[in-house]
Amino acid sequence: MKRKMRKTYRSLFLALLVLVTILAGCGSSETSTSSGTSTEAGLTPVTLQLKWVPQAQFAGYFVALEKGYYKEEGLDVKIAPGGPDIVPEQQVANGAAQIGVDWVASLLPHQEQGMPLVQIAQIYQKSGLQLLTKKDSGIESPADLAGKNVGNWMGGNEFELLALFDKYELDPNSDLSFVKQAFTMDQFLTGELDARICYDV
C-alpha cells in the first residue's frame, strides 16, 4: 500500500514537473515561479495552491512533502492554503501558484472565460458534492426543491447544482431561492435553508 501511494504521488508530481518545465520554457515571468528563485540548488520552486484550508482531503500532499517525494523529483514545493476568498484558478492564472487543486466543475467555466489553464491530473474519480436536507423537510427528490431555499458556497461550487436544476427543469431565479450559504451550518440548523451543499471526500 505504501509503495502504491508513493508511486501515485511520484507520477502526479512528474506530471507537475513536466508542466512547470513547459511553463518555464514559455518565457513568462508571471508563471515561471512564485518565489522567483530556487531555495536549493537544482530544485525547481513550485507553489501548490489548495482549494481550501489545510485539512484531511489534502493530507497526501503534506505527507509527500514531509517524506521528501517532491525533492526526489527535483521540486521545491510550497503548499499554499486556500480559503473563502481564494480561487485556485485565479492564483494559477496570475502566476501566484503553478499548480492548483480544484474541482473539474469549477475549472471548466474558467477555461471558457479564456484562462490558460489545463487539467493535469484527476485525483477524485467522482464528485464529492452532496445536497443535504433534514429528514422532515419533505424533500425526497430534486423535484421537491421547488419553492425551497437552497444554499451553495458559489465561487465555482454552483455549477453541478445548476446542472441538476436544469435536468429537473427548475429555474434557480424563479422556481426556488438559490442563495449563497455561509461556511458554517447555522443557516441550515436554524431553518433559513431547506437544503445546502456539502462535500464528502
N, C-alpha and C. Protein backbone atom coordinates (compact mmCIF):
# COMPACT_ATOMS: atom_id res chain seq x y z
N MET A 1 0.84 -1.21 0.00
CA MET A 1 0.00 0.00 0.00
C MET A 1 0.87 1.25 0.00
N LYS A 2 1.93 1.23 0.87
CA LYS A 2 2.83 2.37 0.96
C LYS A 2 3.51 2.62 -0.37
N ARG A 3 3.96 1.53 -0.98
CA ARG A 3 4.67 1.64 -2.26
C ARG A 3 3.73 2.18 -3.34
N LYS A 4 2.47 1.72 -3.33
CA LYS A 4 1.50 2.16 -4.31
C LYS A 4 1.20 3.66 -4.15
N MET A 5 1.07 4.10 -2.88
CA MET A 5 0.82 5.51 -2.61
C MET A 5 1.99 6.37 -3.10
N ARG A 6 3.19 5.90 -2.78
CA ARG A 6 4.37 6.65 -3.17
C ARG A 6 4.46 6.75 -4.69
N LYS A 7 4.16 5.65 -5.37
CA LYS A 7 4.19 5.64 -6.84
C LYS A 7 3.17 6.61 -7.41
N THR A 8 1.96 6.66 -6.80
CA THR A 8 0.91 7.56 -7.26
C THR A 8 1.36 9.01 -7.16
N TYR A 9 1.93 9.38 -6.00
CA TYR A 9 2.37 10.76 -5.80
C TYR A 9 3.58 11.11 -6.67
N ARG A 10 4.44 10.13 -6.90
CA ARG A 10 5.56 10.38 -7.82
C ARG A 10 5.05 10.66 -9.22
N SER A 11 4.08 9.86 -9.67
CA SER A 11 3.52 10.05 -11.01
C SER A 11 2.87 11.41 -11.15
N LEU A 12 2.11 11.79 -10.12
CA LEU A 12 1.43 13.08 -10.14
C LEU A 12 2.44 14.21 -10.26
N PHE A 13 3.48 14.15 -9.46
CA PHE A 13 4.41 15.27 -9.48
C PHE A 13 5.43 15.21 -10.61
N LEU A 14 5.57 14.06 -11.24
CA LEU A 14 6.31 14.04 -12.50
C LEU A 14 5.53 14.84 -13.55
N ALA A 15 4.21 14.65 -13.53
CA ALA A 15 3.35 15.42 -14.45
C ALA A 15 3.44 16.90 -14.13
N LEU A 16 3.48 17.24 -12.85
CA LEU A 16 3.61 18.63 -12.44
C LEU A 16 4.94 19.21 -12.91
N LEU A 17 6.00 18.42 -12.78
CA LEU A 17 7.32 18.87 -13.21
C LEU A 17 7.34 19.16 -14.70
N VAL A 18 6.70 18.28 -15.48
CA VAL A 18 6.63 18.49 -16.93
C VAL A 18 5.90 19.80 -17.22
N LEU A 19 4.79 20.05 -16.52
CA LEU A 19 4.03 21.28 -16.74
C LEU A 19 4.85 22.50 -16.39
N VAL A 20 5.53 22.45 -15.24
CA VAL A 20 6.34 23.60 -14.81
C VAL A 20 7.46 23.86 -15.82
N THR A 21 8.04 22.78 -16.34
CA THR A 21 9.11 22.92 -17.33
C THR A 21 8.57 23.59 -18.60
N ILE A 22 7.37 23.19 -19.02
CA ILE A 22 6.74 23.79 -20.20
C ILE A 22 6.49 25.28 -19.96
N LEU A 23 5.92 25.59 -18.79
CA LEU A 23 5.63 27.00 -18.46
C LEU A 23 6.91 27.83 -18.42
N ALA A 24 7.95 27.26 -17.85
CA ALA A 24 9.22 27.98 -17.77
C ALA A 24 9.78 28.24 -19.16
N GLY A 25 9.55 27.27 -20.07
CA GLY A 25 10.04 27.43 -21.43
C GLY A 25 9.28 28.47 -22.22
N CYS A 26 8.10 28.85 -21.75
CA CYS A 26 7.31 29.85 -22.46
C CYS A 26 7.85 31.26 -22.24
N GLY A 27 8.74 31.43 -21.29
CA GLY A 27 9.37 32.73 -21.08
C GLY A 27 8.54 33.73 -20.33
N SER A 28 7.43 33.30 -19.68
CA SER A 28 6.60 34.23 -18.93
C SER A 28 7.08 34.34 -17.50
N SER A 29 7.42 35.57 -17.08
CA SER A 29 7.89 35.75 -15.71
C SER A 29 6.77 35.57 -14.72
N GLU A 30 5.53 35.69 -15.14
CA GLU A 30 4.40 35.57 -14.24
C GLU A 30 4.12 34.12 -13.87
N THR A 31 4.47 33.20 -14.76
CA THR A 31 4.12 31.81 -14.49
C THR A 31 5.34 30.94 -14.22
N SER A 32 6.52 31.52 -14.23
CA SER A 32 7.71 30.69 -14.02
C SER A 32 7.81 30.20 -12.60
N THR A 33 7.81 31.08 -11.62
CA THR A 33 7.82 30.70 -10.21
C THR A 33 7.10 31.75 -9.41
N SER A 34 6.71 31.38 -8.19
CA SER A 34 6.08 32.37 -7.32
C SER A 34 7.11 33.01 -6.40
N SER A 35 8.20 32.33 -6.13
CA SER A 35 9.20 32.90 -5.22
C SER A 35 10.35 33.56 -5.95
N GLY A 36 10.45 33.26 -7.26
CA GLY A 36 11.48 33.92 -8.06
C GLY A 36 12.78 33.16 -8.14
N THR A 37 13.22 32.57 -7.06
CA THR A 37 14.49 31.84 -7.07
C THR A 37 14.34 30.51 -6.34
N SER A 38 15.18 29.57 -6.69
CA SER A 38 15.15 28.27 -6.03
C SER A 38 15.86 28.38 -4.69
N THR A 39 15.29 27.74 -3.68
CA THR A 39 15.90 27.78 -2.36
C THR A 39 17.00 26.74 -2.21
N GLU A 40 16.98 25.73 -3.07
CA GLU A 40 18.02 24.71 -3.04
C GLU A 40 18.50 24.48 -4.46
N ALA A 41 19.81 24.35 -4.60
CA ALA A 41 20.40 24.18 -5.93
C ALA A 41 19.81 22.97 -6.63
N GLY A 42 19.43 23.17 -7.88
CA GLY A 42 18.93 22.07 -8.69
C GLY A 42 17.45 21.78 -8.53
N LEU A 43 16.77 22.45 -7.60
CA LEU A 43 15.34 22.21 -7.40
C LEU A 43 14.51 23.32 -8.05
N THR A 44 13.43 22.93 -8.68
CA THR A 44 12.53 23.90 -9.29
C THR A 44 11.46 24.31 -8.28
N PRO A 45 11.37 25.60 -7.94
CA PRO A 45 10.34 26.01 -6.99
C PRO A 45 8.94 25.93 -7.59
N VAL A 46 8.02 25.35 -6.85
CA VAL A 46 6.64 25.19 -7.29
C VAL A 46 5.71 25.52 -6.12
N THR A 47 4.71 26.35 -6.36
CA THR A 47 3.69 26.61 -5.35
C THR A 47 2.43 25.83 -5.72
N LEU A 48 1.95 25.03 -4.79
CA LEU A 48 0.73 24.26 -4.97
C LEU A 48 -0.38 24.96 -4.18
N GLN A 49 -1.38 25.47 -4.88
CA GLN A 49 -2.47 26.20 -4.23
C GLN A 49 -3.62 25.26 -3.90
N LEU A 50 -3.93 25.13 -2.61
CA LEU A 50 -5.05 24.31 -2.20
C LEU A 50 -6.36 25.04 -2.42
N LYS A 51 -7.44 24.29 -2.55
CA LYS A 51 -8.76 24.89 -2.73
C LYS A 51 -9.32 25.42 -1.42
N TRP A 52 -8.90 24.84 -0.32
CA TRP A 52 -9.44 25.22 0.98
C TRP A 52 -8.33 25.14 2.02
N VAL A 53 -8.66 25.46 3.26
CA VAL A 53 -7.66 25.43 4.33
C VAL A 53 -7.12 24.01 4.50
N PRO A 54 -5.91 23.85 5.02
CA PRO A 54 -5.36 22.51 5.20
C PRO A 54 -6.28 21.62 6.04
N GLN A 55 -6.63 20.48 5.49
CA GLN A 55 -7.47 19.51 6.19
C GLN A 55 -7.25 18.14 5.57
N ALA A 56 -7.99 17.14 6.05
CA ALA A 56 -7.73 15.75 5.68
C ALA A 56 -7.70 15.50 4.18
N GLN A 57 -8.56 16.19 3.40
CA GLN A 57 -8.60 15.91 1.97
C GLN A 57 -7.29 16.23 1.25
N PHE A 58 -6.45 17.03 1.86
CA PHE A 58 -5.17 17.39 1.25
C PHE A 58 -3.98 16.67 1.91
N ALA A 59 -4.28 15.72 2.77
CA ALA A 59 -3.23 15.07 3.56
C ALA A 59 -2.10 14.49 2.70
N GLY A 60 -2.47 13.91 1.56
CA GLY A 60 -1.46 13.28 0.71
C GLY A 60 -0.37 14.23 0.27
N TYR A 61 -0.74 15.49 -0.02
CA TYR A 61 0.25 16.46 -0.46
C TYR A 61 1.24 16.78 0.66
N PHE A 62 0.72 16.88 1.88
CA PHE A 62 1.59 17.19 3.02
C PHE A 62 2.47 16.00 3.39
N VAL A 63 1.92 14.79 3.28
CA VAL A 63 2.72 13.60 3.54
C VAL A 63 3.86 13.50 2.54
N ALA A 64 3.55 13.74 1.27
CA ALA A 64 4.58 13.69 0.23
C ALA A 64 5.67 14.73 0.49
N LEU A 65 5.28 15.91 0.96
CA LEU A 65 6.25 16.95 1.29
C LEU A 65 7.14 16.51 2.43
N GLU A 66 6.51 15.97 3.48
CA GLU A 66 7.24 15.52 4.67
C GLU A 66 8.19 14.37 4.34
N LYS A 67 7.77 13.48 3.46
CA LYS A 67 8.59 12.32 3.09
C LYS A 67 9.69 12.66 2.09
N GLY A 68 9.65 13.86 1.53
CA GLY A 68 10.70 14.26 0.60
C GLY A 68 10.49 13.76 -0.82
N TYR A 69 9.26 13.32 -1.16
CA TYR A 69 9.00 12.79 -2.50
C TYR A 69 9.18 13.86 -3.58
N TYR A 70 8.79 15.08 -3.28
CA TYR A 70 8.91 16.15 -4.27
C TYR A 70 10.38 16.44 -4.58
N LYS A 71 11.18 16.51 -3.53
CA LYS A 71 12.62 16.78 -3.73
C LYS A 71 13.26 15.69 -4.57
N GLU A 72 12.82 14.47 -4.39
CA GLU A 72 13.35 13.35 -5.18
C GLU A 72 13.07 13.57 -6.67
N GLU A 73 12.02 14.32 -6.96
CA GLU A 73 11.66 14.60 -8.36
C GLU A 73 12.17 15.96 -8.82
N GLY A 74 13.00 16.60 -7.99
CA GLY A 74 13.59 17.88 -8.38
C GLY A 74 12.73 19.09 -8.11
N LEU A 75 11.75 18.97 -7.21
CA LEU A 75 10.83 20.06 -6.93
C LEU A 75 10.97 20.58 -5.50
N ASP A 76 10.99 21.90 -5.38
CA ASP A 76 10.94 22.55 -4.07
C ASP A 76 9.52 23.08 -3.92
N VAL A 77 8.65 22.29 -3.28
CA VAL A 77 7.21 22.57 -3.25
C VAL A 77 6.81 23.36 -2.01
N LYS A 78 6.07 24.43 -2.26
CA LYS A 78 5.45 25.20 -1.18
C LYS A 78 3.95 25.00 -1.31
N ILE A 79 3.29 24.59 -0.23
CA ILE A 79 1.84 24.36 -0.26
C ILE A 79 1.15 25.59 0.32
N ALA A 80 0.35 26.25 -0.51
CA ALA A 80 -0.35 27.47 -0.09
C ALA A 80 -1.78 27.13 0.32
N PRO A 81 -2.19 27.51 1.54
CA PRO A 81 -3.56 27.21 1.97
C PRO A 81 -4.58 28.04 1.19
N GLY A 82 -5.77 27.48 1.04
CA GLY A 82 -6.86 28.21 0.42
C GLY A 82 -7.72 28.87 1.47
N GLY A 83 -8.91 29.30 1.07
CA GLY A 83 -9.82 29.96 1.98
C GLY A 83 -11.01 30.50 1.22
N PRO A 84 -11.94 31.15 1.91
CA PRO A 84 -13.17 31.60 1.25
C PRO A 84 -12.96 32.63 0.15
N ASP A 85 -11.85 33.37 0.20
CA ASP A 85 -11.61 34.41 -0.81
C ASP A 85 -10.52 34.03 -1.80
N ILE A 86 -10.10 32.78 -1.78
CA ILE A 86 -9.03 32.33 -2.68
C ILE A 86 -9.60 31.40 -3.74
N VAL A 87 -9.42 31.77 -5.00
CA VAL A 87 -9.88 30.95 -6.14
C VAL A 87 -8.63 30.37 -6.81
N PRO A 88 -8.43 29.05 -6.71
CA PRO A 88 -7.22 28.43 -7.26
C PRO A 88 -6.95 28.79 -8.72
N GLU A 89 -8.01 28.84 -9.54
CA GLU A 89 -7.81 29.17 -10.95
C GLU A 89 -7.18 30.54 -11.12
N GLN A 90 -7.63 31.50 -10.35
CA GLN A 90 -7.07 32.85 -10.43
C GLN A 90 -5.63 32.88 -9.95
N GLN A 91 -5.33 32.12 -8.90
CA GLN A 91 -3.97 32.08 -8.37
C GLN A 91 -2.99 31.52 -9.39
N VAL A 92 -3.44 30.50 -10.12
CA VAL A 92 -2.57 29.90 -11.15
C VAL A 92 -2.48 30.83 -12.36
N ALA A 93 -3.61 31.39 -12.77
CA ALA A 93 -3.64 32.26 -13.95
C ALA A 93 -2.78 33.51 -13.75
N ASN A 94 -2.75 34.05 -12.52
CA ASN A 94 -1.96 35.28 -12.30
C ASN A 94 -0.53 35.01 -11.87
N GLY A 95 -0.14 33.72 -11.80
CA GLY A 95 1.25 33.38 -11.51
C GLY A 95 1.60 33.26 -10.05
N ALA A 96 0.62 33.42 -9.16
CA ALA A 96 0.90 33.27 -7.72
C ALA A 96 1.17 31.82 -7.36
N ALA A 97 0.67 30.90 -8.17
CA ALA A 97 0.91 29.47 -7.99
C ALA A 97 1.06 28.83 -9.36
N GLN A 98 1.78 27.71 -9.41
CA GLN A 98 1.93 27.00 -10.68
C GLN A 98 0.92 25.87 -10.82
N ILE A 99 0.48 25.33 -9.66
CA ILE A 99 -0.46 24.21 -9.65
C ILE A 99 -1.59 24.56 -8.70
N GLY A 100 -2.83 24.24 -9.07
CA GLY A 100 -3.97 24.46 -8.20
C GLY A 100 -4.77 23.19 -8.01
N VAL A 101 -5.33 23.02 -6.83
CA VAL A 101 -6.20 21.89 -6.55
C VAL A 101 -7.64 22.41 -6.62
N ASP A 102 -8.46 21.79 -7.46
CA ASP A 102 -9.82 22.28 -7.64
C ASP A 102 -10.72 21.20 -8.18
N TRP A 103 -12.01 21.50 -8.25
CA TRP A 103 -12.99 20.59 -8.84
C TRP A 103 -13.09 20.86 -10.34
N VAL A 104 -13.34 19.83 -11.12
CA VAL A 104 -13.48 19.98 -12.57
C VAL A 104 -14.62 20.95 -12.91
N ALA A 105 -15.73 20.85 -12.16
CA ALA A 105 -16.87 21.72 -12.43
C ALA A 105 -16.53 23.19 -12.25
N SER A 106 -15.56 23.47 -11.42
CA SER A 106 -15.12 24.85 -11.21
C SER A 106 -14.11 25.27 -12.27
N LEU A 107 -13.28 24.34 -12.70
CA LEU A 107 -12.25 24.64 -13.71
C LEU A 107 -12.86 24.97 -15.07
N LEU A 108 -13.85 24.21 -15.48
CA LEU A 108 -14.40 24.34 -16.84
C LEU A 108 -14.88 25.75 -17.18
N PRO A 109 -15.68 26.41 -16.32
CA PRO A 109 -16.11 27.76 -16.69
C PRO A 109 -14.97 28.76 -16.75
N HIS A 110 -13.91 28.55 -15.96
CA HIS A 110 -12.75 29.44 -16.04
C HIS A 110 -12.02 29.25 -17.37
N GLN A 111 -11.98 28.01 -17.84
CA GLN A 111 -11.39 27.76 -19.17
C GLN A 111 -12.22 28.44 -20.25
N GLU A 112 -13.55 28.38 -20.10
CA GLU A 112 -14.44 29.01 -21.07
C GLU A 112 -14.26 30.52 -21.09
N GLN A 113 -13.84 31.09 -19.96
CA GLN A 113 -13.60 32.53 -19.88
C GLN A 113 -12.25 32.91 -20.51
N GLY A 114 -11.51 31.91 -20.96
CA GLY A 114 -10.26 32.18 -21.65
C GLY A 114 -9.02 32.07 -20.78
N MET A 115 -9.16 31.62 -19.53
CA MET A 115 -7.97 31.46 -18.69
C MET A 115 -7.12 30.31 -19.24
N PRO A 116 -5.80 30.52 -19.38
CA PRO A 116 -4.93 29.49 -19.96
C PRO A 116 -4.61 28.39 -18.96
N LEU A 117 -5.60 27.57 -18.64
CA LEU A 117 -5.45 26.53 -17.63
C LEU A 117 -5.70 25.16 -18.24
N VAL A 118 -4.94 24.17 -17.77
CA VAL A 118 -5.15 22.79 -18.23
C VAL A 118 -5.24 21.88 -17.01
N GLN A 119 -6.02 20.82 -17.15
CA GLN A 119 -6.11 19.82 -16.09
C GLN A 119 -5.01 18.80 -16.33
N ILE A 120 -4.21 18.53 -15.30
CA ILE A 120 -3.10 17.59 -15.49
C ILE A 120 -3.29 16.29 -14.72
N ALA A 121 -4.23 16.25 -13.79
CA ALA A 121 -4.47 15.01 -13.05
C ALA A 121 -5.87 15.05 -12.45
N GLN A 122 -6.52 13.91 -12.44
CA GLN A 122 -7.84 13.79 -11.83
C GLN A 122 -7.69 12.90 -10.60
N ILE A 123 -7.65 13.52 -9.41
CA ILE A 123 -7.42 12.77 -8.18
C ILE A 123 -8.68 12.02 -7.76
N TYR A 124 -9.82 12.72 -7.77
CA TYR A 124 -11.09 12.09 -7.39
C TYR A 124 -11.79 11.60 -8.65
N GLN A 125 -12.28 10.38 -8.60
CA GLN A 125 -12.93 9.79 -9.76
C GLN A 125 -14.40 10.16 -9.87
N LYS A 126 -14.97 10.72 -8.81
CA LYS A 126 -16.35 11.21 -8.89
C LYS A 126 -16.47 12.41 -7.96
N SER A 127 -17.46 13.23 -8.22
CA SER A 127 -17.66 14.43 -7.42
C SER A 127 -18.04 14.08 -5.98
N GLY A 128 -17.53 14.87 -5.05
CA GLY A 128 -17.89 14.68 -3.65
C GLY A 128 -19.05 15.57 -3.22
N LEU A 129 -19.62 16.33 -4.16
CA LEU A 129 -20.69 17.26 -3.81
C LEU A 129 -21.97 16.51 -3.47
N GLN A 130 -22.60 16.91 -2.37
CA GLN A 130 -23.87 16.32 -1.96
C GLN A 130 -24.83 17.44 -1.56
N LEU A 131 -26.11 17.17 -1.70
CA LEU A 131 -27.14 18.11 -1.27
C LEU A 131 -27.74 17.55 0.01
N LEU A 132 -27.69 18.35 1.06
CA LEU A 132 -28.10 17.91 2.39
C LEU A 132 -29.41 18.59 2.79
N THR A 133 -30.33 17.81 3.35
CA THR A 133 -31.59 18.35 3.85
C THR A 133 -32.00 17.59 5.09
N LYS A 134 -32.93 18.13 5.84
CA LYS A 134 -33.39 17.44 7.05
C LYS A 134 -34.43 16.38 6.68
N LYS A 135 -34.49 15.35 7.50
CA LYS A 135 -35.39 14.24 7.23
C LYS A 135 -36.85 14.68 7.15
N ASP A 136 -37.22 15.67 7.96
CA ASP A 136 -38.61 16.11 7.99
C ASP A 136 -38.90 17.28 7.04
N SER A 137 -37.98 17.54 6.08
CA SER A 137 -38.14 18.69 5.17
C SER A 137 -39.18 18.46 4.09
N GLY A 138 -39.50 17.20 3.82
CA GLY A 138 -40.42 16.89 2.72
C GLY A 138 -39.71 16.80 1.38
N ILE A 139 -38.40 16.99 1.37
CA ILE A 139 -37.62 16.91 0.13
C ILE A 139 -37.08 15.49 -0.02
N GLU A 140 -37.62 14.79 -0.99
CA GLU A 140 -37.21 13.40 -1.22
C GLU A 140 -36.60 13.20 -2.60
N SER A 141 -36.73 14.20 -3.47
CA SER A 141 -36.13 14.14 -4.80
C SER A 141 -35.80 15.56 -5.23
N PRO A 142 -34.96 15.71 -6.25
CA PRO A 142 -34.62 17.06 -6.72
C PRO A 142 -35.84 17.89 -7.09
N ALA A 143 -36.90 17.26 -7.60
CA ALA A 143 -38.10 17.99 -8.00
C ALA A 143 -38.75 18.70 -6.80
N ASP A 144 -38.51 18.15 -5.60
CA ASP A 144 -39.10 18.73 -4.38
C ASP A 144 -38.40 20.01 -3.94
N LEU A 145 -37.34 20.42 -4.64
CA LEU A 145 -36.64 21.66 -4.30
C LEU A 145 -37.42 22.89 -4.73
N ALA A 146 -38.44 22.70 -5.54
CA ALA A 146 -39.26 23.83 -5.99
C ALA A 146 -39.85 24.55 -4.79
N GLY A 147 -39.70 25.87 -4.78
CA GLY A 147 -40.22 26.69 -3.70
C GLY A 147 -39.39 26.69 -2.44
N LYS A 148 -38.23 26.03 -2.47
CA LYS A 148 -37.40 25.91 -1.28
C LYS A 148 -36.21 26.89 -1.34
N ASN A 149 -35.59 27.09 -0.18
CA ASN A 149 -34.36 27.87 -0.09
C ASN A 149 -33.17 26.91 -0.14
N VAL A 150 -32.38 27.02 -1.20
CA VAL A 150 -31.26 26.11 -1.42
C VAL A 150 -29.95 26.89 -1.36
N GLY A 151 -29.03 26.43 -0.53
CA GLY A 151 -27.77 27.14 -0.34
C GLY A 151 -26.61 26.52 -1.09
N ASN A 152 -25.66 27.37 -1.44
CA ASN A 152 -24.44 26.94 -2.13
C ASN A 152 -23.33 27.94 -1.79
N TRP A 153 -22.08 27.47 -1.73
CA TRP A 153 -20.97 28.38 -1.44
C TRP A 153 -20.68 29.33 -2.60
N MET A 154 -21.15 28.98 -3.79
CA MET A 154 -20.86 29.74 -5.01
C MET A 154 -19.34 29.73 -5.27
N GLY A 155 -18.86 30.70 -6.03
CA GLY A 155 -17.41 30.76 -6.31
C GLY A 155 -16.88 29.57 -7.08
N GLY A 156 -17.73 28.94 -7.92
CA GLY A 156 -17.29 27.78 -8.69
C GLY A 156 -17.90 26.48 -8.19
N ASN A 157 -18.55 26.51 -7.03
CA ASN A 157 -19.16 25.30 -6.48
C ASN A 157 -20.60 25.10 -6.94
N GLU A 158 -21.13 26.07 -7.68
CA GLU A 158 -22.56 26.05 -8.00
C GLU A 158 -22.91 25.30 -9.28
N PHE A 159 -21.93 25.00 -10.14
CA PHE A 159 -22.25 24.52 -11.48
C PHE A 159 -22.92 23.14 -11.51
N GLU A 160 -22.51 22.25 -10.63
CA GLU A 160 -23.15 20.94 -10.59
C GLU A 160 -24.60 21.05 -10.15
N LEU A 161 -24.87 21.93 -9.21
CA LEU A 161 -26.23 22.14 -8.74
C LEU A 161 -27.09 22.80 -9.83
N LEU A 162 -26.49 23.73 -10.56
CA LEU A 162 -27.21 24.37 -11.67
C LEU A 162 -27.56 23.33 -12.74
N ALA A 163 -26.67 22.37 -12.95
CA ALA A 163 -26.94 21.29 -13.91
C ALA A 163 -28.10 20.42 -13.41
N LEU A 164 -28.14 20.20 -12.10
CA LEU A 164 -29.24 19.44 -11.50
C LEU A 164 -30.58 20.17 -11.69
N PHE A 165 -30.57 21.48 -11.43
CA PHE A 165 -31.79 22.27 -11.63
C PHE A 165 -32.24 22.18 -13.08
N ASP A 166 -31.30 22.27 -13.99
CA ASP A 166 -31.62 22.23 -15.41
C ASP A 166 -32.24 20.89 -15.79
N LYS A 167 -31.69 19.82 -15.24
CA LYS A 167 -32.21 18.48 -15.54
C LYS A 167 -33.66 18.33 -15.10
N TYR A 168 -34.00 18.94 -13.97
CA TYR A 168 -35.35 18.83 -13.44
C TYR A 168 -36.21 20.05 -13.78
N GLU A 169 -35.73 20.83 -14.76
CA GLU A 169 -36.45 22.00 -15.28
C GLU A 169 -36.87 22.96 -14.16
N LEU A 170 -35.93 23.22 -13.28
CA LEU A 170 -36.13 24.19 -12.19
C LEU A 170 -35.32 25.44 -12.50
N ASP A 171 -35.97 26.57 -12.56
CA ASP A 171 -35.28 27.84 -12.79
C ASP A 171 -34.82 28.37 -11.43
N PRO A 172 -33.48 28.49 -11.22
CA PRO A 172 -32.99 28.95 -9.92
C PRO A 172 -33.36 30.39 -9.59
N ASN A 173 -33.86 31.12 -10.59
CA ASN A 173 -34.24 32.52 -10.37
C ASN A 173 -35.73 32.68 -10.07
N SER A 174 -36.53 31.66 -10.37
CA SER A 174 -37.98 31.81 -10.16
C SER A 174 -38.64 30.62 -9.47
N ASP A 175 -38.12 29.41 -9.70
CA ASP A 175 -38.76 28.22 -9.14
C ASP A 175 -38.33 27.92 -7.70
N LEU A 176 -37.20 28.50 -7.30
CA LEU A 176 -36.69 28.28 -5.95
C LEU A 176 -35.79 29.46 -5.59
N SER A 177 -35.37 29.51 -4.36
CA SER A 177 -34.45 30.56 -3.92
C SER A 177 -33.06 29.96 -3.79
N PHE A 178 -32.17 30.31 -4.72
CA PHE A 178 -30.81 29.78 -4.75
C PHE A 178 -29.89 30.85 -4.16
N VAL A 179 -29.37 30.61 -2.95
CA VAL A 179 -28.65 31.64 -2.22
C VAL A 179 -27.25 31.20 -1.82
N LYS A 180 -26.42 32.17 -1.52
CA LYS A 180 -25.06 31.88 -1.05
C LYS A 180 -25.11 31.46 0.41
N GLN A 181 -24.54 30.30 0.70
CA GLN A 181 -24.52 29.81 2.07
C GLN A 181 -23.20 30.17 2.73
N ALA A 182 -23.24 30.26 4.05
CA ALA A 182 -22.03 30.56 4.83
C ALA A 182 -21.19 29.29 4.98
N PHE A 183 -20.02 29.44 5.60
CA PHE A 183 -19.14 28.29 5.80
C PHE A 183 -19.37 27.64 7.16
N THR A 184 -20.53 27.90 7.72
CA THR A 184 -20.96 27.23 8.95
C THR A 184 -22.30 26.57 8.66
N MET A 185 -22.80 25.80 9.62
CA MET A 185 -24.08 25.12 9.46
C MET A 185 -25.25 25.94 10.01
N ASP A 186 -24.99 27.15 10.48
CA ASP A 186 -26.01 27.93 11.18
C ASP A 186 -27.29 28.13 10.37
N GLN A 187 -27.17 28.56 9.11
CA GLN A 187 -28.37 28.82 8.29
C GLN A 187 -29.23 27.57 8.14
N PHE A 188 -28.57 26.43 8.03
CA PHE A 188 -29.27 25.16 7.86
C PHE A 188 -29.95 24.74 9.18
N LEU A 189 -29.23 24.85 10.27
CA LEU A 189 -29.76 24.42 11.56
C LEU A 189 -30.92 25.29 12.04
N THR A 190 -30.90 26.58 11.68
CA THR A 190 -31.98 27.47 12.11
C THR A 190 -33.18 27.44 11.17
N GLY A 191 -33.07 26.70 10.05
CA GLY A 191 -34.19 26.59 9.13
C GLY A 191 -34.21 27.64 8.04
N GLU A 192 -33.19 28.50 8.01
CA GLU A 192 -33.12 29.51 6.94
C GLU A 192 -32.93 28.86 5.58
N LEU A 193 -32.23 27.72 5.57
CA LEU A 193 -32.04 26.95 4.34
C LEU A 193 -32.77 25.62 4.47
N ASP A 194 -33.49 25.25 3.41
CA ASP A 194 -34.15 23.93 3.39
C ASP A 194 -33.18 22.86 2.94
N ALA A 195 -32.21 23.25 2.15
CA ALA A 195 -31.19 22.31 1.65
C ALA A 195 -29.91 23.11 1.42
N ARG A 196 -28.78 22.43 1.52
CA ARG A 196 -27.49 23.08 1.29
C ARG A 196 -26.50 22.05 0.79
N ILE A 197 -25.45 22.52 0.15
CA ILE A 197 -24.46 21.57 -0.34
C ILE A 197 -23.43 21.28 0.76
N CYS A 198 -22.82 20.13 0.61
CA CYS A 198 -21.68 19.75 1.46
C CYS A 198 -20.81 18.84 0.61
N TYR A 199 -19.63 18.55 1.09
CA TYR A 199 -18.73 17.66 0.35
C TYR A 199 -18.38 16.43 1.17
N ASP A 200 -18.32 15.30 0.50
CA ASP A 200 -17.90 14.05 1.12
C ASP A 200 -16.71 13.58 0.31
N VAL A 201 -15.50 13.79 0.85
CA VAL A 201 -14.29 13.40 0.10
C VAL A 201 -13.41 12.49 0.91
